Protein backbone atom coordinates (compact mmCIF):
# COMPACT_ATOMS: atom_id res chain seq x y z
CA UNK A 1 0.00 0.00 0.00
CA UNK A 2 2.87 2.39 0.77
CA UNK A 3 4.35 1.77 -2.68
CA UNK A 4 1.01 2.58 -4.30
CA UNK A 5 0.60 5.84 -2.34
CA UNK A 6 4.16 6.86 -3.18
CA UNK A 7 3.49 6.36 -6.89
CA UNK A 8 0.21 8.29 -6.65
CA UNK A 9 2.02 11.11 -4.83
CA UNK A 10 4.66 11.32 -7.57
CA UNK A 11 1.91 11.26 -10.22
CA UNK A 12 0.01 13.95 -8.29
CA UNK A 13 3.06 16.23 -8.14
CA UNK A 14 3.73 15.66 -11.85
CA UNK A 15 0.12 16.54 -12.69
CA UNK A 16 0.23 19.69 -10.56
CA UNK A 17 3.44 20.94 -12.19
CA UNK A 18 2.16 20.02 -15.67
CA UNK A 19 -1.12 21.87 -15.07
CA UNK A 20 0.75 24.98 -13.93
CA UNK A 21 2.98 24.84 -17.02
CA UNK A 22 -0.03 24.24 -19.28
CA UNK A 23 -1.94 27.14 -17.75
CA UNK A 24 1.08 29.43 -18.08
CA UNK A 25 1.56 28.37 -21.71
CA UNK A 26 -2.12 29.08 -22.30
CA UNK A 27 -1.70 32.51 -20.77
CA UNK A 28 1.30 33.35 -22.95
CA UNK A 29 -0.20 32.02 -26.20
CA UNK A 30 -3.88 31.20 -25.63
CA UNK A 31 -5.64 28.50 -27.62
CA UNK A 32 -8.69 26.32 -27.07
CA UNK A 33 -6.58 23.14 -26.95
CA UNK A 34 -4.30 24.57 -24.26
CA UNK A 35 -7.37 25.54 -22.25
CA UNK A 36 -8.78 22.01 -22.50
CA UNK A 37 -5.43 20.55 -21.46
CA UNK A 38 -5.26 22.90 -18.48
CA UNK A 39 -8.77 21.95 -17.38
CA UNK A 40 -8.06 18.22 -17.74
CA UNK A 41 -4.76 18.37 -15.87
CA UNK A 42 -6.29 20.46 -13.10
CA UNK A 43 -9.19 18.04 -12.65
CA UNK A 44 -6.80 15.08 -12.61
CA UNK A 45 -4.71 16.86 -9.97
CA UNK A 46 -7.80 17.48 -7.88
CA UNK A 47 -8.84 13.84 -8.23
CA UNK A 48 -5.45 12.43 -7.30
CA UNK A 49 -5.21 14.82 -4.33
CA UNK A 50 -8.62 13.70 -3.11
CA UNK A 51 -7.53 10.08 -3.42
CA UNK A 52 -4.35 10.76 -1.47
CA UNK A 53 -6.19 12.50 1.35
CA UNK A 54 -8.75 9.71 1.63
CA UNK A 55 -6.29 6.82 1.33
CA UNK A 56 -3.58 8.15 3.66
CA UNK A 57 -5.89 9.80 6.20
CA UNK A 58 -3.82 12.96 5.87
CA UNK A 59 -4.60 16.05 7.88
CA UNK A 60 -7.57 17.48 6.06
CA UNK A 61 -7.11 21.16 6.94
CA UNK A 62 -3.55 21.51 5.65
CA UNK A 63 -4.24 19.37 2.57
CA UNK A 64 -7.35 21.31 1.65
CA UNK A 65 -5.68 24.66 2.27
CA UNK A 66 -2.82 23.75 -0.07
CA UNK A 67 -5.34 22.49 -2.64
CA UNK A 68 -7.39 25.68 -2.46
CA UNK A 69 -4.29 27.84 -2.93
CA UNK A 70 -3.19 25.68 -5.90
CA UNK A 71 -6.65 25.83 -7.49
CA UNK A 72 -6.81 29.58 -6.95
CA UNK A 73 -3.49 30.12 -8.71
CA UNK A 74 -4.29 27.77 -11.60
CA UNK A 75 -7.82 29.09 -12.13
CA UNK A 76 -6.54 32.66 -11.94
CA UNK A 77 -4.05 31.96 -14.72
CA UNK A 78 -6.71 30.09 -16.73
CA UNK A 79 -9.13 33.00 -16.30
CA UNK A 80 -6.48 35.39 -17.61
CA UNK A 81 -5.89 33.12 -20.59
CA UNK A 82 -9.64 32.93 -21.30
CA UNK A 83 -9.83 36.71 -21.18
CA UNK A 84 -7.00 36.98 -23.70
CA UNK A 85 -8.57 34.29 -25.90
CA UNK A 86 -12.09 35.76 -25.91
CA UNK A 87 -11.49 38.72 -28.26
CA UNK A 88 -9.82 36.54 -30.89
CA UNK A 89 -12.07 36.34 -33.95
CA UNK A 90 -11.74 33.68 -36.57
CA UNK A 91 -12.63 34.54 -40.15
CA UNK A 92 -13.23 31.97 -42.83
CA UNK A 93 -12.53 32.81 -46.44
CA UNK A 94 -14.80 31.31 -49.05
CA UNK A 95 -13.44 30.22 -52.32
PDB file of N, CA and C in Angstrom:
ATOM      1  N   UNK A   1       0.826  -1.198   0.000  1.00  0.00           N
ATOM      2  CA  UNK A   1       0.000   0.000   0.000  1.00  0.00           C
ATOM      3  C   UNK A   1       0.868   1.259   0.000  1.00  0.00           C
ATOM      4  N   UNK A   2       1.993   1.217   0.713  1.00  0.00           N
ATOM      5  CA  UNK A   2       2.870   2.389   0.768  1.00  0.00           C
ATOM      6  C   UNK A   2       3.444   2.672  -0.613  1.00  0.00           C
ATOM      7  N   UNK A   3       3.809   1.610  -1.339  1.00  0.00           N
ATOM      8  CA  UNK A   3       4.346   1.771  -2.685  1.00  0.00           C
ATOM      9  C   UNK A   3       3.319   2.442  -3.583  1.00  0.00           C
ATOM     10  N   UNK A   4       2.070   2.018  -3.483  1.00  0.00           N
ATOM     11  CA  UNK A   4       1.009   2.582  -4.299  1.00  0.00           C
ATOM     12  C   UNK A   4       0.820   4.072  -3.989  1.00  0.00           C
ATOM     13  N   UNK A   5       0.786   4.435  -2.715  1.00  0.00           N
ATOM     14  CA  UNK A   5       0.598   5.835  -2.335  1.00  0.00           C
ATOM     15  C   UNK A   5       1.782   6.696  -2.768  1.00  0.00           C
ATOM     16  N   UNK A   6       2.980   6.120  -2.725  1.00  0.00           N
ATOM     17  CA  UNK A   6       4.158   6.858  -3.175  1.00  0.00           C
ATOM     18  C   UNK A   6       4.067   7.147  -4.673  1.00  0.00           C
ATOM     19  N   UNK A   7       3.631   6.168  -5.445  1.00  0.00           N
ATOM     20  CA  UNK A   7       3.486   6.365  -6.890  1.00  0.00           C
ATOM     21  C   UNK A   7       2.386   7.389  -7.188  1.00  0.00           C
ATOM     22  N   UNK A   8       1.292   7.323  -6.451  1.00  0.00           N
ATOM     23  CA  UNK A   8       0.206   8.294  -6.649  1.00  0.00           C
ATOM     24  C   UNK A   8       0.682   9.693  -6.275  1.00  0.00           C
ATOM     25  N   UNK A   9       1.486   9.806  -5.232  1.00  0.00           N
ATOM     26  CA  UNK A   9       2.018  11.111  -4.829  1.00  0.00           C
ATOM     27  C   UNK A   9       2.922  11.688  -5.915  1.00  0.00           C
ATOM     28  N   UNK A  10       3.792  10.863  -6.479  1.00  0.00           N
ATOM     29  CA  UNK A  10       4.664  11.323  -7.566  1.00  0.00           C
ATOM     30  C   UNK A  10       3.825  11.735  -8.774  1.00  0.00           C
ATOM     31  N   UNK A  11       2.816  10.934  -9.110  1.00  0.00           N
ATOM     32  CA  UNK A  11       1.911  11.257 -10.218  1.00  0.00           C
ATOM     33  C   UNK A  11       1.168  12.558  -9.937  1.00  0.00           C
ATOM     34  N   UNK A  12       0.730  12.736  -8.689  1.00  0.00           N
ATOM     35  CA  UNK A  12       0.008  13.947  -8.285  1.00  0.00           C
ATOM     36  C   UNK A  12       0.890  15.193  -8.444  1.00  0.00           C
ATOM     37  N   UNK A  13       2.133  15.093  -8.011  1.00  0.00           N
ATOM     38  CA  UNK A  13       3.057  16.225  -8.142  1.00  0.00           C
ATOM     39  C   UNK A  13       3.332  16.520  -9.606  1.00  0.00           C
ATOM     40  N   UNK A  14       3.521  15.473 -10.405  1.00  0.00           N
ATOM     41  CA  UNK A  14       3.728  15.660 -11.845  1.00  0.00           C
ATOM     42  C   UNK A  14       2.529  16.356 -12.484  1.00  0.00           C
ATOM     43  N   UNK A  15       1.326  15.914 -12.139  1.00  0.00           N
ATOM     44  CA  UNK A  15       0.118  16.545 -12.691  1.00  0.00           C
ATOM     45  C   UNK A  15       0.013  18.013 -12.283  1.00  0.00           C
ATOM     46  N   UNK A  16       0.329  18.318 -11.041  1.00  0.00           N
ATOM     47  CA  UNK A  16       0.234  19.694 -10.561  1.00  0.00           C
ATOM     48  C   UNK A  16       1.210  20.601 -11.311  1.00  0.00           C
ATOM     49  N   UNK A  17       2.445  20.141 -11.472  1.00  0.00           N
ATOM     50  CA  UNK A  17       3.437  20.942 -12.191  1.00  0.00           C
ATOM     51  C   UNK A  17       3.041  21.084 -13.661  1.00  0.00           C
ATOM     52  N   UNK A  18       2.575  19.976 -14.263  1.00  0.00           N
ATOM     53  CA  UNK A  18       2.160  20.019 -15.669  1.00  0.00           C
ATOM     54  C   UNK A  18       0.969  20.952 -15.872  1.00  0.00           C
ATOM     55  N   UNK A  19       0.036  20.972 -14.924  1.00  0.00           N
ATOM     56  CA  UNK A  19      -1.117  21.867 -15.074  1.00  0.00           C
ATOM     57  C   UNK A  19      -0.704  23.326 -14.925  1.00  0.00           C
ATOM     58  N   UNK A  20       0.252  23.606 -14.054  1.00  0.00           N
ATOM     59  CA  UNK A  20       0.753  24.984 -13.930  1.00  0.00           C
ATOM     60  C   UNK A  20       1.472  25.417 -15.207  1.00  0.00           C
ATOM     61  N   UNK A  21       2.276  24.523 -15.767  1.00  0.00           N
ATOM     62  CA  UNK A  21       2.979  24.840 -17.016  1.00  0.00           C
ATOM     63  C   UNK A  21       1.981  25.016 -18.154  1.00  0.00           C
ATOM     64  N   UNK A  22       0.984  24.140 -18.220  1.00  0.00           N
ATOM     65  CA  UNK A  22      -0.028  24.240 -19.276  1.00  0.00           C
ATOM     66  C   UNK A  22      -0.830  25.531 -19.153  1.00  0.00           C
ATOM     67  N   UNK A  23      -1.193  25.898 -17.936  1.00  0.00           N
ATOM     68  CA  UNK A  23      -1.945  27.143 -17.746  1.00  0.00           C
ATOM     69  C   UNK A  23      -1.090  28.355 -18.108  1.00  0.00           C
ATOM     70  N   UNK A  24       0.190  28.316 -17.732  1.00  0.00           N
ATOM     71  CA  UNK A  24       1.083  29.427 -18.077  1.00  0.00           C
ATOM     72  C   UNK A  24       1.285  29.518 -19.583  1.00  0.00           C
ATOM     73  N   UNK A  25       1.429  28.369 -20.247  1.00  0.00           N
ATOM     74  CA  UNK A  25       1.562  28.375 -21.710  1.00  0.00           C
ATOM     75  C   UNK A  25       0.286  28.903 -22.362  1.00  0.00           C
ATOM     76  N   UNK A  26      -0.856  28.557 -21.785  1.00  0.00           N
ATOM     77  CA  UNK A  26      -2.122  29.081 -22.302  1.00  0.00           C
ATOM     78  C   UNK A  26      -2.264  30.572 -22.073  1.00  0.00           C
ATOM     79  N   UNK A  27      -1.655  31.069 -21.027  1.00  0.00           N
ATOM     80  CA  UNK A  27      -1.703  32.507 -20.772  1.00  0.00           C
ATOM     81  C   UNK A  27      -0.811  33.266 -21.744  1.00  0.00           C
ATOM     82  N   UNK A  28       0.356  32.696 -22.044  1.00  0.00           N
ATOM     83  CA  UNK A  28       1.304  33.353 -22.952  1.00  0.00           C
ATOM     84  C   UNK A  28       0.784  33.336 -24.382  1.00  0.00           C
ATOM     85  N   UNK A  29       0.323  32.174 -24.834  1.00  0.00           N
ATOM     86  CA  UNK A  29      -0.200  32.019 -26.197  1.00  0.00           C
ATOM     87  C   UNK A  29      -1.505  31.225 -26.122  1.00  0.00           C
ATOM     88  N   UNK A  30      -2.625  31.911 -25.872  1.00  0.00           N
ATOM     89  CA  UNK A  30      -3.881  31.198 -25.626  1.00  0.00           C
ATOM     90  C   UNK A  30      -4.400  30.451 -26.853  1.00  0.00           C
ATOM     91  N   UNK A  31      -4.939  29.271 -26.593  1.00  0.00           N
ATOM     92  CA  UNK A  31      -5.639  28.499 -27.616  1.00  0.00           C
ATOM     93  C   UNK A  31      -6.647  27.603 -26.912  1.00  0.00           C
ATOM     94  N   UNK A  32      -7.642  27.159 -27.658  1.00  0.00           N
ATOM     95  CA  UNK A  32      -8.685  26.318 -27.074  1.00  0.00           C
ATOM     96  C   UNK A  32      -8.109  24.983 -26.603  1.00  0.00           C
ATOM     97  N   UNK A  33      -7.176  24.422 -27.345  1.00  0.00           N
ATOM     98  CA  UNK A  33      -6.584  23.141 -26.951  1.00  0.00           C
ATOM     99  C   UNK A  33      -5.777  23.265 -25.660  1.00  0.00           C
ATOM    100  N   UNK A  34      -5.051  24.364 -25.506  1.00  0.00           N
ATOM    101  CA  UNK A  34      -4.301  24.569 -24.256  1.00  0.00           C
ATOM    102  C   UNK A  34      -5.244  24.750 -23.082  1.00  0.00           C
ATOM    103  N   UNK A  35      -6.380  25.378 -23.317  1.00  0.00           N
ATOM    104  CA  UNK A  35      -7.367  25.541 -22.254  1.00  0.00           C
ATOM    105  C   UNK A  35      -7.925  24.188 -21.837  1.00  0.00           C
ATOM    106  N   UNK A  36      -8.266  23.344 -22.814  1.00  0.00           N
ATOM    107  CA  UNK A  36      -8.783  22.012 -22.497  1.00  0.00           C
ATOM    108  C   UNK A  36      -7.746  21.192 -21.734  1.00  0.00           C
ATOM    109  N   UNK A  37      -6.498  21.276 -22.149  1.00  0.00           N
ATOM    110  CA  UNK A  37      -5.430  20.546 -21.460  1.00  0.00           C
ATOM    111  C   UNK A  37      -5.284  21.045 -20.027  1.00  0.00           C
ATOM    112  N   UNK A  38      -5.371  22.346 -19.827  1.00  0.00           N
ATOM    113  CA  UNK A  38      -5.263  22.902 -18.478  1.00  0.00           C
ATOM    114  C   UNK A  38      -6.407  22.428 -17.597  1.00  0.00           C
ATOM    115  N   UNK A  39      -7.621  22.428 -18.137  1.00  0.00           N
ATOM    116  CA  UNK A  39      -8.770  21.948 -17.377  1.00  0.00           C
ATOM    117  C   UNK A  39      -8.607  20.475 -17.013  1.00  0.00           C
ATOM    118  N   UNK A  40      -8.208  19.661 -17.977  1.00  0.00           N
ATOM    119  CA  UNK A  40      -8.065  18.223 -17.735  1.00  0.00           C
ATOM    120  C   UNK A  40      -6.984  17.944 -16.689  1.00  0.00           C
ATOM    121  N   UNK A  41      -5.835  18.590 -16.824  1.00  0.00           N
ATOM    122  CA  UNK A  41      -4.756  18.369 -15.868  1.00  0.00           C
ATOM    123  C   UNK A  41      -5.134  18.846 -14.467  1.00  0.00           C
ATOM    124  N   UNK A  42      -5.862  19.951 -14.389  1.00  0.00           N
ATOM    125  CA  UNK A  42      -6.293  20.463 -13.096  1.00  0.00           C
ATOM    126  C   UNK A  42      -7.289  19.514 -12.433  1.00  0.00           C
ATOM    127  N   UNK A  43      -8.230  18.985 -13.212  1.00  0.00           N
ATOM    128  CA  UNK A  43      -9.191  18.036 -12.650  1.00  0.00           C
ATOM    129  C   UNK A  43      -8.513  16.734 -12.219  1.00  0.00           C
ATOM    130  N   UNK A  44      -7.539  16.273 -13.001  1.00  0.00           N
ATOM    131  CA  UNK A  44      -6.797  15.079 -12.609  1.00  0.00           C
ATOM    132  C   UNK A  44      -5.994  15.323 -11.330  1.00  0.00           C
ATOM    133  N   UNK A  45      -5.433  16.516 -11.191  1.00  0.00           N
ATOM    134  CA  UNK A  45      -4.706  16.857  -9.969  1.00  0.00           C
ATOM    135  C   UNK A  45      -5.649  16.872  -8.776  1.00  0.00           C
ATOM    136  N   UNK A  46      -6.812  17.453  -8.954  1.00  0.00           N
ATOM    137  CA  UNK A  46      -7.804  17.484  -7.876  1.00  0.00           C
ATOM    138  C   UNK A  46      -8.233  16.067  -7.499  1.00  0.00           C
ATOM    139  N   UNK A  47      -8.445  15.226  -8.494  1.00  0.00           N
ATOM    140  CA  UNK A  47      -8.844  13.842  -8.226  1.00  0.00           C
ATOM    141  C   UNK A  47      -7.772  13.045  -7.504  1.00  0.00           C
ATOM    142  N   UNK A  48      -6.529  13.177  -7.954  1.00  0.00           N
ATOM    143  CA  UNK A  48      -5.445  12.432  -7.297  1.00  0.00           C
ATOM    144  C   UNK A  48      -5.200  12.963  -5.885  1.00  0.00           C
ATOM    145  N   UNK A  49      -5.351  14.255  -5.673  1.00  0.00           N
ATOM    146  CA  UNK A  49      -5.212  14.823  -4.329  1.00  0.00           C
ATOM    147  C   UNK A  49      -6.301  14.328  -3.398  1.00  0.00           C
ATOM    148  N   UNK A  50      -7.515  14.233  -3.906  1.00  0.00           N
ATOM    149  CA  UNK A  50      -8.618  13.703  -3.105  1.00  0.00           C
ATOM    150  C   UNK A  50      -8.352  12.248  -2.728  1.00  0.00           C
ATOM    151  N   UNK A  51      -7.870  11.478  -3.705  1.00  0.00           N
ATOM    152  CA  UNK A  51      -7.534  10.079  -3.424  1.00  0.00           C
ATOM    153  C   UNK A  51      -6.446   9.975  -2.357  1.00  0.00           C
ATOM    154  N   UNK A  52      -5.429  10.802  -2.459  1.00  0.00           N
ATOM    155  CA  UNK A  52      -4.346  10.762  -1.474  1.00  0.00           C
ATOM    156  C   UNK A  52      -4.833  11.104  -0.077  1.00  0.00           C
ATOM    157  N   UNK A  53      -5.675  12.112   0.036  1.00  0.00           N
ATOM    158  CA  UNK A  53      -6.192  12.504   1.353  1.00  0.00           C
ATOM    159  C   UNK A  53      -7.035  11.380   1.946  1.00  0.00           C
ATOM    160  N   UNK A  54      -7.883  10.765   1.120  1.00  0.00           N
ATOM    161  CA  UNK A  54      -8.751   9.705   1.632  1.00  0.00           C
ATOM    162  C   UNK A  54      -7.985   8.425   1.940  1.00  0.00           C
ATOM    163  N   UNK A  55      -6.986   8.096   1.140  1.00  0.00           N
ATOM    164  CA  UNK A  55      -6.289   6.823   1.333  1.00  0.00           C
ATOM    165  C   UNK A  55      -5.224   6.882   2.433  1.00  0.00           C
ATOM    166  N   UNK A  56      -4.644   8.048   2.656  1.00  0.00           N
ATOM    167  CA  UNK A  56      -3.583   8.146   3.661  1.00  0.00           C
ATOM    168  C   UNK A  56      -4.075   8.744   4.979  1.00  0.00           C
ATOM    169  N   UNK A  57      -5.321   9.161   5.010  1.00  0.00           N
ATOM    170  CA  UNK A  57      -5.890   9.803   6.202  1.00  0.00           C
ATOM    171  C   UNK A  57      -5.031  10.996   6.622  1.00  0.00           C
ATOM    172  N   UNK A  58      -4.650  11.780   5.624  1.00  0.00           N
ATOM    173  CA  UNK A  58      -3.816  12.961   5.873  1.00  0.00           C
ATOM    174  C   UNK A  58      -4.631  14.019   6.617  1.00  0.00           C
ATOM    175  N   UNK A  59      -3.921  14.964   7.189  1.00  0.00           N
ATOM    176  CA  UNK A  59      -4.596  16.054   7.883  1.00  0.00           C
ATOM    177  C   UNK A  59      -5.380  16.866   6.866  1.00  0.00           C
ATOM    178  N   UNK A  60      -6.658  16.905   7.042  1.00  0.00           N
ATOM    179  CA  UNK A  60      -7.566  17.480   6.063  1.00  0.00           C
ATOM    180  C   UNK A  60      -7.393  18.986   5.913  1.00  0.00           C
ATOM    181  N   UNK A  61      -7.183  19.698   6.989  1.00  0.00           N
ATOM    182  CA  UNK A  61      -7.107  21.159   6.936  1.00  0.00           C
ATOM    183  C   UNK A  61      -5.911  21.621   6.105  1.00  0.00           C
ATOM    184  N   UNK A  62      -4.737  21.072   6.387  1.00  0.00           N
ATOM    185  CA  UNK A  62      -3.547  21.515   5.651  1.00  0.00           C
ATOM    186  C   UNK A  62      -3.602  21.067   4.193  1.00  0.00           C
ATOM    187  N   UNK A  63      -4.133  19.855   3.944  1.00  0.00           N
ATOM    188  CA  UNK A  63      -4.241  19.374   2.568  1.00  0.00           C
ATOM    189  C   UNK A  63      -5.218  20.229   1.768  1.00  0.00           C
ATOM    190  N   UNK A  64      -6.346  20.514   2.361  1.00  0.00           N
ATOM    191  CA  UNK A  64      -7.351  21.309   1.651  1.00  0.00           C
ATOM    192  C   UNK A  64      -6.882  22.751   1.450  1.00  0.00           C
ATOM    193  N   UNK A  65      -6.183  23.295   2.411  1.00  0.00           N
ATOM    194  CA  UNK A  65      -5.680  24.659   2.270  1.00  0.00           C
ATOM    195  C   UNK A  65      -4.684  24.745   1.116  1.00  0.00           C
ATOM    196  N   UNK A  66      -3.778  23.768   1.049  1.00  0.00           N
ATOM    197  CA  UNK A  66      -2.818  23.746  -0.065  1.00  0.00           C
ATOM    198  C   UNK A  66      -3.545  23.556  -1.396  1.00  0.00           C
ATOM    199  N   UNK A  67      -4.562  22.717  -1.416  1.00  0.00           N
ATOM    200  CA  UNK A  67      -5.340  22.491  -2.636  1.00  0.00           C
ATOM    201  C   UNK A  67      -6.104  23.731  -3.080  1.00  0.00           C
ATOM    202  N   UNK A  68      -6.645  24.456  -2.126  1.00  0.00           N
ATOM    203  CA  UNK A  68      -7.390  25.677  -2.459  1.00  0.00           C
ATOM    204  C   UNK A  68      -6.443  26.745  -3.010  1.00  0.00           C
ATOM    205  N   UNK A  69      -5.273  26.873  -2.424  1.00  0.00           N
ATOM    206  CA  UNK A  69      -4.288  27.836  -2.935  1.00  0.00           C
ATOM    207  C   UNK A  69      -3.867  27.455  -4.346  1.00  0.00           C
ATOM    208  N   UNK A  70      -3.570  26.162  -4.565  1.00  0.00           N
ATOM    209  CA  UNK A  70      -3.190  25.678  -5.898  1.00  0.00           C
ATOM    210  C   UNK A  70      -4.294  25.964  -6.912  1.00  0.00           C
ATOM    211  N   UNK A  71      -5.544  25.600  -6.565  1.00  0.00           N
ATOM    212  CA  UNK A  71      -6.651  25.825  -7.492  1.00  0.00           C
ATOM    213  C   UNK A  71      -6.859  27.315  -7.758  1.00  0.00           C
ATOM    214  N   UNK A  72      -6.684  28.139  -6.750  1.00  0.00           N
ATOM    215  CA  UNK A  72      -6.810  29.579  -6.952  1.00  0.00           C
ATOM    216  C   UNK A  72      -5.788  30.119  -7.931  1.00  0.00           C
ATOM    217  N   UNK A  73      -4.548  29.672  -7.799  1.00  0.00           N
ATOM    218  CA  UNK A  73      -3.493  30.122  -8.715  1.00  0.00           C
ATOM    219  C   UNK A  73      -3.777  29.628 -10.130  1.00  0.00           C
ATOM    220  N   UNK A  74      -4.074  28.334 -10.269  1.00  0.00           N
ATOM    221  CA  UNK A  74      -4.295  27.771 -11.604  1.00  0.00           C
ATOM    222  C   UNK A  74      -5.519  28.398 -12.261  1.00  0.00           C
ATOM    223  N   UNK A  75      -6.625  28.508 -11.529  1.00  0.00           N
ATOM    224  CA  UNK A  75      -7.819  29.092 -12.129  1.00  0.00           C
ATOM    225  C   UNK A  75      -7.652  30.582 -12.412  1.00  0.00           C
ATOM    226  N   UNK A  76      -6.841  31.261 -11.636  1.00  0.00           N
ATOM    227  CA  UNK A  76      -6.540  32.661 -11.945  1.00  0.00           C
ATOM    228  C   UNK A  76      -5.791  32.796 -13.261  1.00  0.00           C
ATOM    229  N   UNK A  77      -4.802  31.937 -13.465  1.00  0.00           N
ATOM    230  CA  UNK A  77      -4.052  31.964 -14.724  1.00  0.00           C
ATOM    231  C   UNK A  77      -4.947  31.553 -15.887  1.00  0.00           C
ATOM    232  N   UNK A  78      -5.790  30.537 -15.679  1.00  0.00           N
ATOM    233  CA  UNK A  78      -6.709  30.094 -16.733  1.00  0.00           C
ATOM    234  C   UNK A  78      -7.714  31.203 -17.073  1.00  0.00           C
ATOM    235  N   UNK A  79      -8.196  31.901 -16.049  1.00  0.00           N
ATOM    236  CA  UNK A  79      -9.135  33.003 -16.301  1.00  0.00           C
ATOM    237  C   UNK A  79      -8.470  34.111 -17.116  1.00  0.00           C
ATOM    238  N   UNK A  80      -7.209  34.399 -16.816  1.00  0.00           N
ATOM    239  CA  UNK A  80      -6.479  35.387 -17.605  1.00  0.00           C
ATOM    240  C   UNK A  80      -6.295  34.930 -19.044  1.00  0.00           C
ATOM    241  N   UNK A  81      -6.042  33.652 -19.235  1.00  0.00           N
ATOM    242  CA  UNK A  81      -5.891  33.116 -20.592  1.00  0.00           C
ATOM    243  C   UNK A  81      -7.221  33.163 -21.341  1.00  0.00           C
ATOM    244  N   UNK A  82      -8.312  32.852 -20.653  1.00  0.00           N
ATOM    245  CA  UNK A  82      -9.638  32.934 -21.303  1.00  0.00           C
ATOM    246  C   UNK A  82      -9.962  34.370 -21.715  1.00  0.00           C
ATOM    247  N   UNK A  83      -9.571  35.302 -20.862  1.00  0.00           N
ATOM    248  CA  UNK A  83      -9.829  36.710 -21.179  1.00  0.00           C
ATOM    249  C   UNK A  83      -9.042  37.136 -22.418  1.00  0.00           C
ATOM    250  N   UNK A  84      -7.808  36.651 -22.525  1.00  0.00           N
ATOM    251  CA  UNK A  84      -6.999  36.980 -23.700  1.00  0.00           C
ATOM    252  C   UNK A  84      -7.517  36.268 -24.940  1.00  0.00           C
ATOM    253  N   UNK A  85      -8.088  35.069 -24.773  1.00  0.00           N
ATOM    254  CA  UNK A  85      -8.569  34.287 -25.904  1.00  0.00           C
ATOM    255  C   UNK A  85      -9.919  34.782 -26.408  1.00  0.00           C
ATOM    256  N   UNK A  86     -10.728  35.357 -25.550  1.00  0.00           N
ATOM    257  CA  UNK A  86     -12.090  35.759 -25.906  1.00  0.00           C
ATOM    258  C   UNK A  86     -12.165  36.740 -27.076  1.00  0.00           C
ATOM    259  N   UNK A  87     -11.326  37.776 -27.161  1.00  0.00           N
ATOM    260  CA  UNK A  87     -11.488  38.719 -28.261  1.00  0.00           C
ATOM    261  C   UNK A  87     -10.956  38.211 -29.610  1.00  0.00           C
ATOM    262  N   UNK A  88     -10.355  37.046 -29.637  1.00  0.00           N
ATOM    263  CA  UNK A  88      -9.820  36.535 -30.891  1.00  0.00           C
ATOM    264  C   UNK A  88     -10.981  36.125 -31.786  1.00  0.00           C
ATOM    265  N   UNK A  89     -11.016  36.677 -32.999  1.00  0.00           N
ATOM    266  CA  UNK A  89     -12.073  36.339 -33.949  1.00  0.00           C
ATOM    267  C   UNK A  89     -11.471  35.548 -35.098  1.00  0.00           C
ATOM    268  N   UNK A  90     -12.200  34.524 -35.479  1.00  0.00           N
ATOM    269  CA  UNK A  90     -11.743  33.679 -36.574  1.00  0.00           C
ATOM    270  C   UNK A  90     -12.579  33.987 -37.813  1.00  0.00           C
ATOM    271  N   UNK A  91     -11.912  34.276 -38.895  1.00  0.00           N
ATOM    272  CA  UNK A  91     -12.625  34.545 -40.149  1.00  0.00           C
ATOM    273  C   UNK A  91     -12.325  33.411 -41.115  1.00  0.00           C
ATOM    274  N   UNK A  92     -13.354  33.043 -41.850  1.00  0.00           N
ATOM    275  CA  UNK A  92     -13.226  31.971 -42.830  1.00  0.00           C
ATOM    276  C   UNK A  92     -13.407  32.575 -44.218  1.00  0.00           C
ATOM    277  N   UNK A  93     -12.425  32.315 -45.062  1.00  0.00           N
ATOM    278  CA  UNK A  93     -12.532  32.810 -46.442  1.00  0.00           C
ATOM    279  C   UNK A  93     -13.210  31.767 -47.321  1.00  0.00           C
ATOM    280  N   UNK A  94     -14.129  32.228 -48.108  1.00  0.00           N
ATOM    281  CA  UNK A  94     -14.802  31.314 -49.046  1.00  0.00           C
ATOM    282  C   UNK A  94     -14.069  31.364 -50.387  1.00  0.00           C
ATOM    283  N   UNK A  95     -14.002  30.230 -50.963  1.00  0.00           N
ATOM    284  CA  UNK A  95     -13.444  30.219 -52.316  1.00  0.00           C
ATOM    285  C   UNK A  95     -12.121  29.674 -52.361  1.00  0.00           C
TER     286      UNK A  95
END
